[in-house]
Amino acid sequence: MKPLLYWFSFVVLTSQYSFAGEWIEGRVTHVRDIDTIEVNNLPVRLQGLDGPELNERGGREGKRWMTKLILRKPVKCWLTGEKTHDRWVGQCFDASENDLAALAVASGLARDCPRFSGGRYRQFETAESRRLPSKSYCR
């Protein structure tokens, strides 16, 4: 009985594991939308990126763009330890060390979310990206 209890405790503790201040590396296995990717099946929300949802104007275009850019390619992400829904929050970079969120904003398909980015992506905003609606939680 004790080995089963130890195994159960291990599973529960490791499933609650926090990725605070850790790098993860791997291939992008899925693109949910412009601001959420999966790295080796681990969902990662790109910190500080305000992208349209799939049912909003530009949402499907943003997903297509991100998919073409990064699906099945290697990335590394610095995870903050925060979670939103089922996603870890992090800043992700492609193999050339380009910040994926900065690329998305510069493409005109997303905006800076200053509440969570500290204004890190404002300099990359374009006239096109500024026309996208800003989420209330970003202000």
Protein backbone atom coordinates (compact mmCIF):
# COMPACT_ATOMS: atom_id res chain seq x y z
CA MET A 1 0.00 0.00 0.00
CA LYS A 2 2.81 2.46 0.84
CA PRO A 3 4.45 2.19 -2.63
CA LEU A 4 1.12 3.09 -4.22
CA LEU A 5 0.77 6.09 -1.89
CA TYR A 6 4.30 7.26 -2.75
CA TRP A 7 3.62 6.88 -6.47
CA PHE A 8 0.35 8.83 -6.17
CA SER A 9 2.10 11.61 -4.23
CA PHE A 10 4.81 11.80 -6.90
CA VAL A 11 2.25 12.08 -9.71
CA VAL A 12 0.26 14.78 -7.91
CA LEU A 13 3.35 16.81 -7.01
CA THR A 14 4.91 16.60 -10.46
CA SER A 15 1.65 17.53 -12.18
CA GLN A 16 1.61 20.71 -10.06
CA TYR A 17 5.21 21.49 -11.07
CA SER A 18 5.85 25.16 -11.62
CA PHE A 19 7.93 26.31 -14.54
CA ALA A 20 8.84 29.59 -12.82
CA GLY A 21 11.95 31.13 -14.29
CA GLU A 22 12.77 28.16 -16.51
CA TRP A 23 13.72 27.72 -20.12
CA ILE A 24 11.99 25.07 -22.13
CA GLU A 25 13.10 24.08 -25.61
CA GLY A 26 11.45 21.99 -28.26
CA ARG A 27 9.45 22.00 -31.45
CA VAL A 28 6.13 23.75 -31.86
CA THR A 29 3.62 20.91 -32.05
CA HIS A 30 0.49 23.05 -32.42
CA VAL A 31 -0.53 26.67 -32.97
CA ARG A 32 -3.84 27.52 -31.26
CA ASP A 33 -3.87 31.15 -32.38
CA ILE A 34 -1.41 34.00 -32.76
CA ASP A 35 -0.74 34.25 -29.01
CA THR A 36 -0.79 30.58 -27.94
CA ILE A 37 1.52 27.83 -29.16
CA GLU A 38 2.32 24.37 -27.89
CA VAL A 39 5.94 23.42 -27.39
CA ASN A 40 6.31 19.64 -27.20
CA ASN A 41 2.55 19.64 -26.44
CA LEU A 42 2.98 22.11 -23.51
CA PRO A 43 0.65 25.12 -24.08
CA VAL A 44 2.44 28.48 -23.85
CA ARG A 45 0.70 31.86 -23.86
CA LEU A 46 3.02 34.49 -25.34
CA GLN A 47 3.49 37.05 -22.57
CA GLY A 48 2.49 40.60 -23.42
CA LEU A 49 0.93 39.81 -26.79
CA ASP A 50 -2.61 41.01 -27.52
CA GLY A 51 -3.82 38.99 -30.48
CA PRO A 52 -7.31 38.59 -31.88
CA GLU A 53 -9.26 35.46 -31.02
CA LEU A 54 -10.14 33.10 -33.87
CA ASN A 55 -13.70 34.47 -34.04
CA GLU A 56 -12.51 38.09 -34.20
CA ARG A 57 -11.36 40.10 -37.22
CA GLY A 58 -7.83 38.98 -38.09
CA GLY A 59 -7.87 35.97 -35.77
CA ARG A 60 -7.72 33.26 -38.43
CA GLU A 61 -5.18 35.24 -40.44
CA GLY A 62 -3.01 35.56 -37.33
CA LYS A 63 -3.17 31.83 -36.69
CA ARG A 64 -2.22 31.07 -40.31
CA TRP A 65 0.69 33.49 -40.08
CA MET A 66 2.00 32.00 -36.81
CA THR A 67 1.54 28.46 -38.13
CA LYS A 68 3.56 29.23 -41.26
CA LEU A 69 6.23 30.96 -39.18
CA ILE A 70 6.85 28.36 -36.49
CA LEU A 71 4.91 25.06 -36.68
CA ARG A 72 7.25 22.05 -36.28
CA LYS A 73 10.22 24.38 -35.83
CA PRO A 74 12.44 24.65 -32.74
CA VAL A 75 11.79 27.35 -30.16
CA LYS A 76 12.89 28.18 -26.65
CA CYS A 77 10.64 29.86 -24.12
CA TRP A 78 11.35 31.59 -20.82
CA LEU A 79 8.40 30.69 -18.60
CA THR A 80 7.36 33.08 -15.86
CA GLY A 81 5.66 30.46 -13.69
CA GLU A 82 2.27 32.08 -14.23
CA LYS A 83 -0.61 30.20 -15.81
CA THR A 84 -3.69 31.44 -17.58
CA HIS A 85 -6.31 28.78 -18.13
CA ASP A 86 -4.32 25.69 -19.18
CA ARG A 87 -1.37 27.65 -20.57
CA TRP A 88 1.99 28.56 -19.08
CA VAL A 89 2.98 32.18 -19.74
CA GLY A 90 6.29 32.86 -21.39
CA GLN A 91 8.41 34.77 -23.84
CA CYS A 92 9.35 32.57 -26.82
CA PHE A 93 12.11 32.82 -29.40
CA ASP A 94 12.73 31.11 -32.74
CA ALA A 95 16.03 29.47 -33.74
CA SER A 96 17.40 32.89 -34.79
CA GLU A 97 16.50 34.27 -31.33
CA ASN A 98 13.70 36.46 -32.67
CA ASP A 99 10.98 37.15 -30.10
CA LEU A 100 7.79 35.60 -31.54
CA ALA A 101 5.55 38.24 -29.96
CA ALA A 102 7.64 41.08 -31.44
CA LEU A 103 7.39 39.44 -34.86
CA ALA A 104 3.61 39.10 -34.51
CA VAL A 105 3.19 42.76 -33.57
CA ALA A 106 5.54 43.93 -36.36
CA SER A 107 3.50 41.85 -38.84
CA GLY A 108 0.45 43.98 -38.00
CA LEU A 109 -1.53 40.98 -36.74
CA ALA A 110 -1.33 41.64 -32.98
CA ARG A 111 -0.73 44.42 -30.48
CA ASP A 112 1.38 45.12 -27.45
CA CYS A 113 -0.39 44.26 -24.18
CA PRO A 114 1.37 46.80 -21.90
CA ARG A 115 -0.15 45.53 -18.66
CA PHE A 116 1.75 42.26 -19.14
CA SER A 117 4.64 43.33 -21.39
CA GLY A 118 5.60 46.54 -19.65
CA GLY A 119 5.45 48.15 -23.11
CA ARG A 120 8.11 45.81 -24.52
CA TYR A 121 6.34 45.49 -27.91
CA ARG A 122 5.01 49.04 -28.37
CA GLN A 123 7.96 49.95 -30.60
CA PHE A 124 6.97 47.17 -33.03
CA GLU A 125 3.36 48.29 -33.48
CA THR A 126 2.35 49.36 -36.97
CA ALA A 127 -0.57 51.44 -38.21
CA GLU A 128 -2.24 48.14 -39.08
CA SER A 129 -1.71 46.60 -35.65
CA ARG A 130 -3.01 49.75 -33.94
CA ARG A 131 -6.30 49.34 -35.81
CA LEU A 132 -6.90 46.03 -34.00
CA PRO A 133 -9.09 46.34 -30.91
CA SER A 134 -7.20 46.26 -27.63
CA LYS A 135 -8.41 43.85 -24.95
CA SER A 136 -9.56 45.57 -21.75
CA TYR A 137 -7.21 43.41 -19.64
CA CYS A 138 -4.21 44.87 -21.49
CA ARG A 139 -4.79 48.46 -20.42
